[in-house]
């Protein structure tokens, strides 16, 4: 079994275990954080891309993109682990760091999948990864608002926090776009190659 496959499966299992603890464990750091919603949404979101890939790549020689999948799944594990360790409530910068790093990871995984399409010119790959990451940051914030912010204690500073989170997510996606483009660029092909 490849390291990327092992990492992907480990991330999924560790996330599921913590989601179950967060939903049914009765620990105070999970109160008001929408863990009932997360228990359903996170596994679905983590498995959506692999499921789509399996449905469209049926063949004995199609190698699954385990590294891309592990990168896409990692932010869910980091988020749940941050809640399990109560880092969101005890470290002031934890949430901001997560929005940047998690979007870099998520967008990096998506970017590795997009890079397989070999878009030309190459800058389109960077723009596509950044755009998808920005759209997902907006969708994430809408999900947070619906599941726990609108009825919780965080409503007072939600506007400023949401703008900051969307900005950090977009910047993380941009970083991922640049890194994926550089990592997947064929030798001798410049960013603006036609």
N, C-alpha and C. Protein backbone atom coordinates (compact mmCIF):
# COMPACT_ATOMS: atom_id res chain seq x y z
N UNK A 1 0.86 -1.19 0.00
CA UNK A 1 0.00 0.00 0.00
C UNK A 1 0.90 1.24 0.00
N UNK A 2 0.59 2.19 -0.86
CA UNK A 2 1.40 3.40 -0.96
C UNK A 2 1.23 4.28 0.28
N UNK A 3 2.23 5.11 0.52
CA UNK A 3 2.15 6.03 1.67
C UNK A 3 0.99 6.99 1.53
N UNK A 4 0.74 7.49 0.31
CA UNK A 4 -0.36 8.42 0.11
C UNK A 4 -1.70 7.75 0.37
N UNK A 5 -1.85 6.49 -0.04
CA UNK A 5 -3.09 5.76 0.22
C UNK A 5 -3.27 5.53 1.72
N UNK A 6 -2.20 5.14 2.40
CA UNK A 6 -2.26 4.94 3.85
C UNK A 6 -2.62 6.24 4.56
N UNK A 7 -2.00 7.34 4.13
CA UNK A 7 -2.29 8.65 4.73
C UNK A 7 -3.75 9.02 4.51
N UNK A 8 -4.24 8.80 3.31
CA UNK A 8 -5.63 9.13 2.98
C UNK A 8 -6.61 8.36 3.88
N UNK A 9 -6.39 7.07 4.01
CA UNK A 9 -7.27 6.24 4.84
C UNK A 9 -7.15 6.61 6.32
N UNK A 10 -5.93 6.90 6.78
CA UNK A 10 -5.73 7.30 8.17
C UNK A 10 -6.44 8.62 8.47
N UNK A 11 -6.34 9.58 7.56
CA UNK A 11 -7.02 10.86 7.74
C UNK A 11 -8.53 10.65 7.85
N UNK A 12 -9.08 9.82 7.00
CA UNK A 12 -10.51 9.55 7.03
C UNK A 12 -10.94 8.91 8.35
N UNK A 13 -10.23 7.89 8.79
CA UNK A 13 -10.58 7.18 10.03
C UNK A 13 -10.43 8.10 11.24
N UNK A 14 -9.31 8.82 11.33
CA UNK A 14 -9.10 9.71 12.47
C UNK A 14 -10.15 10.82 12.53
N UNK A 15 -10.56 11.31 11.38
CA UNK A 15 -11.60 12.33 11.35
C UNK A 15 -12.93 11.76 11.82
N UNK A 16 -13.29 10.59 11.33
CA UNK A 16 -14.56 9.97 11.73
C UNK A 16 -14.61 9.68 13.23
N UNK A 17 -13.52 9.17 13.79
CA UNK A 17 -13.49 8.88 15.23
C UNK A 17 -13.72 10.16 16.03
N UNK A 18 -13.03 11.24 15.65
CA UNK A 18 -13.19 12.49 16.39
C UNK A 18 -14.58 13.10 16.19
N UNK A 19 -15.15 12.92 15.01
CA UNK A 19 -16.51 13.41 14.79
C UNK A 19 -17.50 12.69 15.69
N UNK A 20 -17.33 11.40 15.86
CA UNK A 20 -18.21 10.63 16.75
C UNK A 20 -18.05 11.09 18.20
N UNK A 21 -16.80 11.31 18.62
CA UNK A 21 -16.56 11.82 19.97
C UNK A 21 -17.18 13.21 20.13
N UNK A 22 -16.97 14.06 19.14
CA UNK A 22 -17.51 15.42 19.20
C UNK A 22 -19.02 15.46 19.24
N UNK A 23 -19.66 14.53 18.54
CA UNK A 23 -21.12 14.52 18.48
C UNK A 23 -21.74 13.86 19.70
N UNK A 24 -21.14 12.78 20.16
CA UNK A 24 -21.77 11.99 21.23
C UNK A 24 -21.00 11.96 22.54
N UNK A 25 -19.81 12.59 22.60
CA UNK A 25 -18.95 12.49 23.77
C UNK A 25 -19.30 13.41 24.93
N UNK A 26 -20.10 14.44 24.68
CA UNK A 26 -20.51 15.33 25.75
C UNK A 26 -19.42 16.26 26.26
N UNK A 27 -18.39 16.51 25.49
CA UNK A 27 -17.32 17.41 25.92
C UNK A 27 -17.69 18.85 25.59
N UNK A 28 -17.37 19.77 26.49
CA UNK A 28 -17.83 21.15 26.37
C UNK A 28 -17.26 21.90 25.16
N UNK A 29 -16.05 21.55 24.72
CA UNK A 29 -15.47 22.29 23.59
C UNK A 29 -16.22 22.06 22.29
N UNK A 30 -17.11 21.08 22.25
CA UNK A 30 -17.89 20.81 21.05
C UNK A 30 -19.26 21.49 21.07
N UNK A 31 -19.62 22.07 22.21
CA UNK A 31 -20.94 22.71 22.33
C UNK A 31 -21.04 23.89 21.37
N UNK A 32 -22.16 23.96 20.67
CA UNK A 32 -22.43 25.07 19.78
C UNK A 32 -21.57 25.12 18.53
N UNK A 33 -20.90 24.03 18.17
CA UNK A 33 -20.02 24.01 17.01
C UNK A 33 -20.58 23.18 15.85
N UNK A 34 -21.84 22.80 15.95
CA UNK A 34 -22.49 22.10 14.84
C UNK A 34 -21.94 20.73 14.55
N UNK A 35 -21.54 19.98 15.57
CA UNK A 35 -20.93 18.67 15.31
C UNK A 35 -21.91 17.64 14.78
N UNK A 36 -23.19 17.79 15.05
CA UNK A 36 -24.18 16.90 14.44
C UNK A 36 -24.18 17.06 12.92
N UNK A 37 -24.11 18.32 12.47
CA UNK A 37 -24.01 18.59 11.03
C UNK A 37 -22.69 18.08 10.46
N UNK A 38 -21.61 18.31 11.21
CA UNK A 38 -20.29 17.90 10.73
C UNK A 38 -20.20 16.38 10.59
N UNK A 39 -20.84 15.65 11.50
CA UNK A 39 -20.80 14.19 11.44
C UNK A 39 -21.36 13.68 10.11
N UNK A 40 -22.32 14.38 9.57
CA UNK A 40 -22.89 14.00 8.28
C UNK A 40 -22.10 14.63 7.13
N UNK A 41 -21.84 15.93 7.22
CA UNK A 41 -21.25 16.66 6.09
C UNK A 41 -19.79 16.30 5.83
N UNK A 42 -18.98 16.17 6.87
CA UNK A 42 -17.56 15.95 6.65
C UNK A 42 -17.26 14.65 5.89
N UNK A 43 -17.81 13.50 6.30
CA UNK A 43 -17.54 12.29 5.52
C UNK A 43 -18.03 12.41 4.08
N UNK A 44 -19.18 13.04 3.88
CA UNK A 44 -19.70 13.21 2.51
C UNK A 44 -18.74 14.08 1.70
N UNK A 45 -18.29 15.19 2.27
CA UNK A 45 -17.37 16.08 1.57
C UNK A 45 -16.01 15.42 1.33
N UNK A 46 -15.55 14.66 2.30
CA UNK A 46 -14.25 13.99 2.17
C UNK A 46 -14.28 12.91 1.09
N UNK A 47 -15.42 12.27 0.91
CA UNK A 47 -15.51 11.15 -0.02
C UNK A 47 -16.11 11.53 -1.38
N UNK A 48 -16.57 12.76 -1.54
CA UNK A 48 -17.21 13.17 -2.80
C UNK A 48 -16.26 13.08 -3.98
N UNK A 49 -15.05 13.61 -3.83
CA UNK A 49 -14.10 13.60 -4.95
C UNK A 49 -13.63 12.17 -5.25
N UNK A 50 -13.23 11.37 -4.25
CA UNK A 50 -12.88 9.99 -4.58
C UNK A 50 -14.04 9.21 -5.22
N UNK A 51 -15.25 9.43 -4.75
CA UNK A 51 -16.41 8.74 -5.34
C UNK A 51 -16.59 9.13 -6.80
N UNK A 52 -16.47 10.42 -7.08
CA UNK A 52 -16.60 10.89 -8.46
C UNK A 52 -15.50 10.29 -9.33
N UNK A 53 -14.29 10.22 -8.78
CA UNK A 53 -13.19 9.64 -9.54
C UNK A 53 -13.45 8.17 -9.84
N UNK A 54 -13.88 7.40 -8.82
CA UNK A 54 -14.14 5.97 -9.02
C UNK A 54 -15.23 5.75 -10.07
N UNK A 55 -16.22 6.62 -10.10
CA UNK A 55 -17.31 6.48 -11.07
C UNK A 55 -16.87 6.78 -12.49
N UNK A 56 -15.87 7.64 -12.65
CA UNK A 56 -15.45 8.06 -13.99
C UNK A 56 -14.16 7.39 -14.47
N UNK A 57 -13.48 6.67 -13.62
CA UNK A 57 -12.20 6.05 -13.99
C UNK A 57 -12.22 4.56 -13.71
N UNK A 58 -13.16 3.89 -14.28
CA UNK A 58 -13.24 2.44 -14.08
C UNK A 58 -12.30 1.75 -15.06
N UNK A 59 -11.28 1.21 -14.53
CA UNK A 59 -10.32 0.51 -15.38
C UNK A 59 -9.21 -0.05 -14.52
N UNK A 60 -8.64 -1.15 -14.96
CA UNK A 60 -7.60 -1.80 -14.15
C UNK A 60 -6.30 -1.01 -14.06
N UNK A 61 -6.07 -0.10 -14.99
CA UNK A 61 -4.79 0.61 -15.02
C UNK A 61 -4.89 2.05 -14.51
N UNK A 62 -6.06 2.46 -14.07
CA UNK A 62 -6.22 3.83 -13.57
C UNK A 62 -5.73 3.90 -12.13
N UNK A 63 -4.65 4.62 -11.92
CA UNK A 63 -4.08 4.76 -10.57
C UNK A 63 -4.78 5.90 -9.85
N UNK A 64 -5.41 5.60 -8.71
CA UNK A 64 -6.11 6.66 -7.97
C UNK A 64 -5.14 7.77 -7.53
N UNK A 65 -5.59 9.02 -7.55
CA UNK A 65 -4.74 10.14 -7.12
C UNK A 65 -4.77 10.30 -5.60
N UNK A 66 -4.14 9.35 -4.91
CA UNK A 66 -4.18 9.30 -3.45
C UNK A 66 -3.64 10.57 -2.80
N UNK A 67 -2.57 11.12 -3.35
CA UNK A 67 -1.99 12.33 -2.76
C UNK A 67 -2.99 13.49 -2.82
N UNK A 68 -3.64 13.66 -3.96
CA UNK A 68 -4.64 14.73 -4.10
C UNK A 68 -5.77 14.51 -3.10
N UNK A 69 -6.21 13.28 -2.98
CA UNK A 69 -7.31 12.98 -2.05
C UNK A 69 -6.90 13.24 -0.60
N UNK A 70 -5.68 12.85 -0.25
CA UNK A 70 -5.20 13.08 1.13
C UNK A 70 -5.16 14.58 1.43
N UNK A 71 -4.71 15.38 0.45
CA UNK A 71 -4.69 16.84 0.65
C UNK A 71 -6.09 17.40 0.80
N UNK A 72 -7.04 16.89 0.03
CA UNK A 72 -8.43 17.35 0.11
C UNK A 72 -9.04 16.98 1.46
N UNK A 73 -8.70 15.82 1.99
CA UNK A 73 -9.28 15.35 3.25
C UNK A 73 -8.60 15.95 4.49
N UNK A 74 -7.34 16.30 4.37
CA UNK A 74 -6.57 16.76 5.54
C UNK A 74 -7.20 17.93 6.29
N UNK A 75 -7.78 18.95 5.62
CA UNK A 75 -8.35 20.06 6.36
C UNK A 75 -9.50 19.65 7.31
N UNK A 76 -10.22 18.62 6.95
CA UNK A 76 -11.30 18.16 7.82
C UNK A 76 -10.72 17.57 9.11
N UNK A 77 -9.65 16.81 8.98
CA UNK A 77 -8.97 16.26 10.15
C UNK A 77 -8.39 17.38 11.01
N UNK A 78 -7.75 18.35 10.39
CA UNK A 78 -7.15 19.46 11.14
C UNK A 78 -8.23 20.24 11.88
N UNK A 79 -9.35 20.50 11.23
CA UNK A 79 -10.44 21.23 11.87
C UNK A 79 -10.99 20.47 13.08
N UNK A 80 -11.26 19.19 12.90
CA UNK A 80 -11.83 18.40 13.99
C UNK A 80 -10.82 18.25 15.12
N UNK A 81 -9.56 18.06 14.78
CA UNK A 81 -8.52 17.93 15.80
C UNK A 81 -8.37 19.23 16.59
N UNK A 82 -8.47 20.36 15.90
CA UNK A 82 -8.42 21.65 16.58
C UNK A 82 -9.55 21.80 17.59
N UNK A 83 -10.73 21.31 17.23
CA UNK A 83 -11.84 21.34 18.17
C UNK A 83 -11.65 20.34 19.30
N UNK A 84 -11.16 19.16 18.99
CA UNK A 84 -10.94 18.14 20.02
C UNK A 84 -9.95 18.64 21.07
N UNK A 85 -8.90 19.30 20.62
CA UNK A 85 -7.88 19.83 21.54
C UNK A 85 -8.27 21.20 22.09
N UNK A 86 -9.45 21.69 21.73
CA UNK A 86 -9.97 22.98 22.18
C UNK A 86 -9.07 24.16 21.79
N UNK A 87 -8.43 24.05 20.64
CA UNK A 87 -7.49 25.08 20.19
C UNK A 87 -8.20 26.33 19.68
N UNK A 88 -9.41 26.17 19.13
CA UNK A 88 -10.14 27.33 18.62
C UNK A 88 -10.51 28.30 19.74
N UNK A 89 -10.74 27.77 20.93
CA UNK A 89 -11.15 28.62 22.06
C UNK A 89 -9.98 29.03 22.95
N UNK A 90 -8.80 28.43 22.75
CA UNK A 90 -7.68 28.75 23.64
C UNK A 90 -6.50 29.44 22.96
N UNK A 91 -6.41 29.35 21.63
CA UNK A 91 -5.32 30.00 20.91
C UNK A 91 -5.94 31.01 19.95
N UNK A 92 -5.75 32.30 20.19
CA UNK A 92 -6.44 33.33 19.41
C UNK A 92 -6.22 33.27 17.90
N UNK A 93 -5.06 32.88 17.44
CA UNK A 93 -4.74 32.88 16.02
C UNK A 93 -5.05 31.55 15.33
N UNK A 94 -5.50 30.54 16.09
CA UNK A 94 -5.70 29.20 15.53
C UNK A 94 -6.68 29.19 14.36
N UNK A 95 -7.80 29.86 14.50
CA UNK A 95 -8.82 29.88 13.44
C UNK A 95 -8.27 30.51 12.16
N UNK A 96 -7.57 31.62 12.30
CA UNK A 96 -7.01 32.29 11.12
C UNK A 96 -5.97 31.41 10.43
N UNK A 97 -5.09 30.81 11.21
CA UNK A 97 -4.07 29.93 10.62
C UNK A 97 -4.73 28.77 9.89
N UNK A 98 -5.81 28.25 10.46
CA UNK A 98 -6.51 27.13 9.82
C UNK A 98 -7.12 27.52 8.50
N UNK A 99 -7.70 28.69 8.43
CA UNK A 99 -8.31 29.09 7.15
C UNK A 99 -7.27 29.24 6.06
N UNK A 100 -6.09 29.71 6.39
CA UNK A 100 -5.03 29.83 5.39
C UNK A 100 -4.46 28.45 5.03
N UNK A 101 -4.03 27.70 6.03
CA UNK A 101 -3.37 26.42 5.80
C UNK A 101 -4.35 25.40 5.21
N UNK A 102 -5.54 25.31 5.79
CA UNK A 102 -6.49 24.32 5.29
C UNK A 102 -6.90 24.59 3.85
N UNK A 103 -7.03 25.86 3.49
CA UNK A 103 -7.38 26.16 2.09
C UNK A 103 -6.21 25.93 1.16
N UNK A 104 -4.99 26.09 1.66
CA UNK A 104 -3.83 25.75 0.84
C UNK A 104 -3.81 24.24 0.58
N UNK A 105 -4.10 23.44 1.61
CA UNK A 105 -4.12 21.99 1.44
C UNK A 105 -5.27 21.55 0.52
N UNK A 106 -6.48 22.01 0.83
CA UNK A 106 -7.65 21.65 0.04
C UNK A 106 -7.46 22.06 -1.42
N UNK A 107 -7.04 23.28 -1.63
CA UNK A 107 -6.85 23.79 -3.00
C UNK A 107 -5.68 23.10 -3.69
N UNK A 108 -4.68 22.72 -2.91
CA UNK A 108 -3.57 21.96 -3.49
C UNK A 108 -4.03 20.62 -4.02
N UNK A 109 -4.87 19.93 -3.26
CA UNK A 109 -5.40 18.65 -3.73
C UNK A 109 -6.26 18.81 -4.97
N UNK A 110 -7.12 19.81 -4.95
CA UNK A 110 -7.95 20.09 -6.13
C UNK A 110 -7.06 20.48 -7.30
N UNK A 111 -6.04 21.28 -7.01
CA UNK A 111 -5.12 21.71 -8.06
C UNK A 111 -4.38 20.55 -8.72
N UNK A 112 -3.98 19.55 -7.93
CA UNK A 112 -3.33 18.38 -8.53
C UNK A 112 -4.27 17.67 -9.49
N UNK A 113 -5.55 17.65 -9.17
CA UNK A 113 -6.52 17.05 -10.09
C UNK A 113 -6.70 17.92 -11.33
N UNK A 114 -6.79 19.24 -11.15
CA UNK A 114 -6.94 20.14 -12.29
C UNK A 114 -5.70 20.12 -13.19
N UNK A 115 -4.52 19.95 -12.60
CA UNK A 115 -3.28 19.94 -13.38
C UNK A 115 -3.26 18.79 -14.38
N UNK A 116 -3.99 17.72 -14.09
CA UNK A 116 -4.06 16.59 -15.02
C UNK A 116 -4.71 16.98 -16.34
N UNK A 117 -5.49 18.07 -16.32
CA UNK A 117 -6.13 18.54 -17.55
C UNK A 117 -5.16 19.33 -18.42
N UNK A 118 -3.98 19.63 -17.88
CA UNK A 118 -2.91 20.35 -18.59
C UNK A 118 -3.41 21.63 -19.26
N UNK A 119 -4.00 22.56 -18.50
CA UNK A 119 -4.49 23.80 -19.12
C UNK A 119 -3.35 24.64 -19.67
N UNK A 120 -3.62 25.29 -20.78
CA UNK A 120 -2.64 26.19 -21.41
C UNK A 120 -3.34 27.51 -21.72
N UNK A 121 -2.73 28.63 -21.50
CA UNK A 121 -1.45 28.82 -20.86
C UNK A 121 -1.51 28.41 -19.38
N UNK A 122 -0.34 28.19 -18.80
CA UNK A 122 -0.22 27.63 -17.45
C UNK A 122 -0.81 28.53 -16.35
N UNK A 123 -0.85 29.83 -16.57
CA UNK A 123 -1.39 30.72 -15.54
C UNK A 123 -2.87 30.43 -15.30
N UNK A 124 -3.53 29.81 -16.27
CA UNK A 124 -4.95 29.46 -16.10
C UNK A 124 -5.11 28.47 -14.94
N UNK A 125 -4.13 27.59 -14.76
CA UNK A 125 -4.17 26.63 -13.65
C UNK A 125 -4.15 27.37 -12.31
N UNK A 126 -3.27 28.36 -12.19
CA UNK A 126 -3.19 29.15 -10.95
C UNK A 126 -4.52 29.87 -10.70
N UNK A 127 -5.06 30.49 -11.74
CA UNK A 127 -6.34 31.21 -11.61
C UNK A 127 -7.48 30.25 -11.27
N UNK A 128 -7.51 29.08 -11.87
CA UNK A 128 -8.58 28.12 -11.60
C UNK A 128 -8.52 27.61 -10.17
N UNK A 129 -7.32 27.29 -9.70
CA UNK A 129 -7.17 26.80 -8.32
C UNK A 129 -7.56 27.89 -7.34
N UNK A 130 -7.13 29.11 -7.58
CA UNK A 130 -7.48 30.23 -6.69
C UNK A 130 -8.98 30.48 -6.71
N UNK A 131 -9.58 30.45 -7.88
CA UNK A 131 -11.03 30.69 -7.99
C UNK A 131 -11.85 29.61 -7.31
N UNK A 132 -11.48 28.36 -7.51
CA UNK A 132 -12.20 27.27 -6.85
C UNK A 132 -12.03 27.39 -5.34
N UNK A 133 -10.80 27.68 -4.89
CA UNK A 133 -10.57 27.84 -3.45
C UNK A 133 -11.37 28.99 -2.86
N UNK A 134 -11.45 30.11 -3.57
CA UNK A 134 -12.22 31.27 -3.09
C UNK A 134 -13.70 30.91 -3.01
N UNK A 135 -14.22 30.23 -4.03
CA UNK A 135 -15.63 29.83 -4.01
C UNK A 135 -15.92 28.87 -2.86
N UNK A 136 -14.99 27.96 -2.60
CA UNK A 136 -15.18 27.03 -1.48
C UNK A 136 -15.09 27.74 -0.13
N UNK A 137 -14.24 28.77 -0.04
CA UNK A 137 -14.16 29.56 1.20
C UNK A 137 -15.49 30.26 1.47
N UNK A 138 -16.11 30.78 0.44
CA UNK A 138 -17.42 31.43 0.59
C UNK A 138 -18.46 30.40 1.00
N UNK A 139 -18.46 29.24 0.34
CA UNK A 139 -19.43 28.19 0.67
C UNK A 139 -19.23 27.72 2.11
N UNK A 140 -17.99 27.60 2.53
CA UNK A 140 -17.69 27.18 3.90
C UNK A 140 -18.28 28.16 4.92
N UNK A 141 -18.06 29.44 4.66
CA UNK A 141 -18.56 30.46 5.58
C UNK A 141 -20.09 30.47 5.63
N UNK A 142 -20.73 30.24 4.50
CA UNK A 142 -22.19 30.12 4.50
C UNK A 142 -22.63 28.92 5.33
N UNK A 143 -21.90 27.82 5.21
CA UNK A 143 -22.21 26.64 6.01
C UNK A 143 -22.02 26.89 7.50
N UNK A 144 -20.94 27.57 7.87
CA UNK A 144 -20.73 27.92 9.29
C UNK A 144 -21.86 28.80 9.80
N UNK A 145 -22.23 29.79 9.01
CA UNK A 145 -23.30 30.68 9.45
C UNK A 145 -24.59 29.89 9.66
N UNK A 146 -24.93 29.03 8.73
CA UNK A 146 -26.20 28.30 8.82
C UNK A 146 -26.20 27.30 9.97
N UNK A 147 -25.09 26.60 10.17
CA UNK A 147 -25.10 25.51 11.16
C UNK A 147 -24.92 25.96 12.60
N UNK A 148 -24.12 27.00 12.84
CA UNK A 148 -23.95 27.35 14.26
C UNK A 148 -23.77 28.83 14.57
N UNK A 149 -23.37 29.66 13.64
CA UNK A 149 -23.13 31.07 13.99
C UNK A 149 -24.44 31.84 14.19
N UNK A 150 -25.42 31.65 13.35
CA UNK A 150 -26.65 32.43 13.42
C UNK A 150 -27.43 32.22 14.71
N UNK A 151 -27.20 31.11 15.39
CA UNK A 151 -27.92 30.84 16.64
C UNK A 151 -26.99 30.78 17.84
N UNK A 152 -25.71 31.09 17.63
CA UNK A 152 -24.74 30.90 18.70
C UNK A 152 -24.22 32.19 19.29
N UNK A 153 -23.15 32.06 20.01
CA UNK A 153 -22.55 33.18 20.73
C UNK A 153 -21.56 33.96 19.87
N UNK A 154 -21.25 33.48 18.67
CA UNK A 154 -20.25 34.12 17.83
C UNK A 154 -20.84 35.12 16.84
N UNK A 155 -22.12 35.40 16.92
CA UNK A 155 -22.79 36.25 15.94
C UNK A 155 -22.27 37.69 15.96
N UNK A 156 -21.89 38.21 17.11
CA UNK A 156 -21.46 39.60 17.22
C UNK A 156 -20.28 39.93 16.32
N UNK A 157 -19.26 39.12 16.29
CA UNK A 157 -18.08 39.40 15.46
C UNK A 157 -18.05 38.61 14.17
N UNK A 158 -19.19 38.04 13.79
CA UNK A 158 -19.23 37.13 12.64
C UNK A 158 -18.86 37.81 11.33
N UNK A 159 -19.30 39.03 11.11
CA UNK A 159 -19.04 39.70 9.83
C UNK A 159 -17.54 39.87 9.61
N UNK A 160 -16.85 40.44 10.59
CA UNK A 160 -15.41 40.65 10.46
C UNK A 160 -14.68 39.32 10.34
N UNK A 161 -15.07 38.33 11.14
CA UNK A 161 -14.44 37.02 11.09
C UNK A 161 -14.65 36.37 9.73
N UNK A 162 -15.86 36.48 9.19
CA UNK A 162 -16.17 35.89 7.89
C UNK A 162 -15.32 36.50 6.78
N UNK A 163 -15.22 37.83 6.76
CA UNK A 163 -14.39 38.48 5.75
C UNK A 163 -12.92 38.06 5.86
N UNK A 164 -12.43 37.99 7.08
CA UNK A 164 -11.05 37.55 7.29
C UNK A 164 -10.85 36.12 6.86
N UNK A 165 -11.79 35.23 7.22
CA UNK A 165 -11.67 33.83 6.85
C UNK A 165 -11.71 33.64 5.34
N UNK A 166 -12.58 34.37 4.65
CA UNK A 166 -12.65 34.26 3.19
C UNK A 166 -11.37 34.77 2.54
N UNK A 167 -10.81 35.85 3.09
CA UNK A 167 -9.57 36.38 2.56
C UNK A 167 -8.41 35.40 2.76
N UNK A 168 -8.31 34.86 3.97
CA UNK A 168 -7.24 33.90 4.26
C UNK A 168 -7.40 32.63 3.42
N UNK A 169 -8.63 32.17 3.24
CA UNK A 169 -8.87 31.01 2.40
C UNK A 169 -8.46 31.25 0.96
N UNK A 170 -8.78 32.44 0.45
CA UNK A 170 -8.41 32.78 -0.92
C UNK A 170 -6.90 32.88 -1.06
N UNK A 171 -6.23 33.47 -0.09
CA UNK A 171 -4.77 33.55 -0.13
C UNK A 171 -4.12 32.17 -0.04
N UNK A 172 -4.69 31.29 0.77
CA UNK A 172 -4.20 29.91 0.83
C UNK A 172 -4.38 29.22 -0.51
N UNK A 173 -5.52 29.47 -1.17
CA UNK A 173 -5.77 28.88 -2.48
C UNK A 173 -4.79 29.42 -3.52
N UNK A 174 -4.49 30.71 -3.44
CA UNK A 174 -3.51 31.31 -4.36
C UNK A 174 -2.14 30.67 -4.17
N UNK A 175 -1.72 30.51 -2.92
CA UNK A 175 -0.44 29.85 -2.64
C UNK A 175 -0.44 28.44 -3.23
N UNK A 176 -1.53 27.71 -3.02
CA UNK A 176 -1.63 26.36 -3.58
C UNK A 176 -1.55 26.39 -5.10
N UNK A 177 -2.22 27.37 -5.72
CA UNK A 177 -2.17 27.48 -7.17
C UNK A 177 -0.76 27.67 -7.69
N UNK A 178 -0.02 28.56 -7.04
CA UNK A 178 1.37 28.81 -7.47
C UNK A 178 2.22 27.55 -7.26
N UNK A 179 2.07 26.90 -6.11
CA UNK A 179 2.88 25.70 -5.83
C UNK A 179 2.54 24.55 -6.76
N UNK A 180 1.26 24.33 -7.01
CA UNK A 180 0.86 23.25 -7.91
C UNK A 180 1.34 23.53 -9.33
N UNK A 181 1.21 24.77 -9.77
CA UNK A 181 1.66 25.11 -11.12
C UNK A 181 3.15 24.84 -11.25
N UNK A 182 3.93 25.25 -10.28
CA UNK A 182 5.37 25.04 -10.34
C UNK A 182 5.72 23.56 -10.25
N UNK A 183 5.01 22.83 -9.40
CA UNK A 183 5.29 21.41 -9.18
C UNK A 183 4.92 20.56 -10.40
N UNK A 184 3.89 20.96 -11.12
CA UNK A 184 3.40 20.15 -12.24
C UNK A 184 3.81 20.70 -13.60
N UNK A 185 4.54 21.80 -13.64
CA UNK A 185 4.94 22.41 -14.92
C UNK A 185 5.94 21.51 -15.64
N UNK A 186 5.65 21.18 -16.89
CA UNK A 186 6.64 20.43 -17.67
C UNK A 186 7.93 21.24 -17.81
N UNK A 187 9.04 20.55 -17.85
CA UNK A 187 10.33 21.22 -17.92
C UNK A 187 10.41 22.10 -19.16
N UNK A 188 10.85 23.34 -18.95
CA UNK A 188 11.04 24.27 -20.04
C UNK A 188 9.79 25.03 -20.45
N UNK A 189 8.66 24.77 -19.80
CA UNK A 189 7.41 25.46 -20.15
C UNK A 189 7.21 26.63 -19.20
N UNK A 190 7.18 27.87 -19.69
CA UNK A 190 6.97 29.02 -18.81
C UNK A 190 5.51 29.15 -18.38
N UNK A 191 5.27 29.96 -17.36
CA UNK A 191 3.93 30.20 -16.84
C UNK A 191 2.98 30.69 -17.93
N UNK A 192 3.46 31.53 -18.83
CA UNK A 192 2.59 32.12 -19.84
C UNK A 192 2.61 31.37 -21.16
N UNK A 193 3.06 30.11 -21.16
CA UNK A 193 3.16 29.35 -22.41
C UNK A 193 1.80 29.17 -23.05
N UNK A 194 1.76 29.32 -24.33
CA UNK A 194 0.50 29.18 -25.08
C UNK A 194 0.43 27.78 -25.65
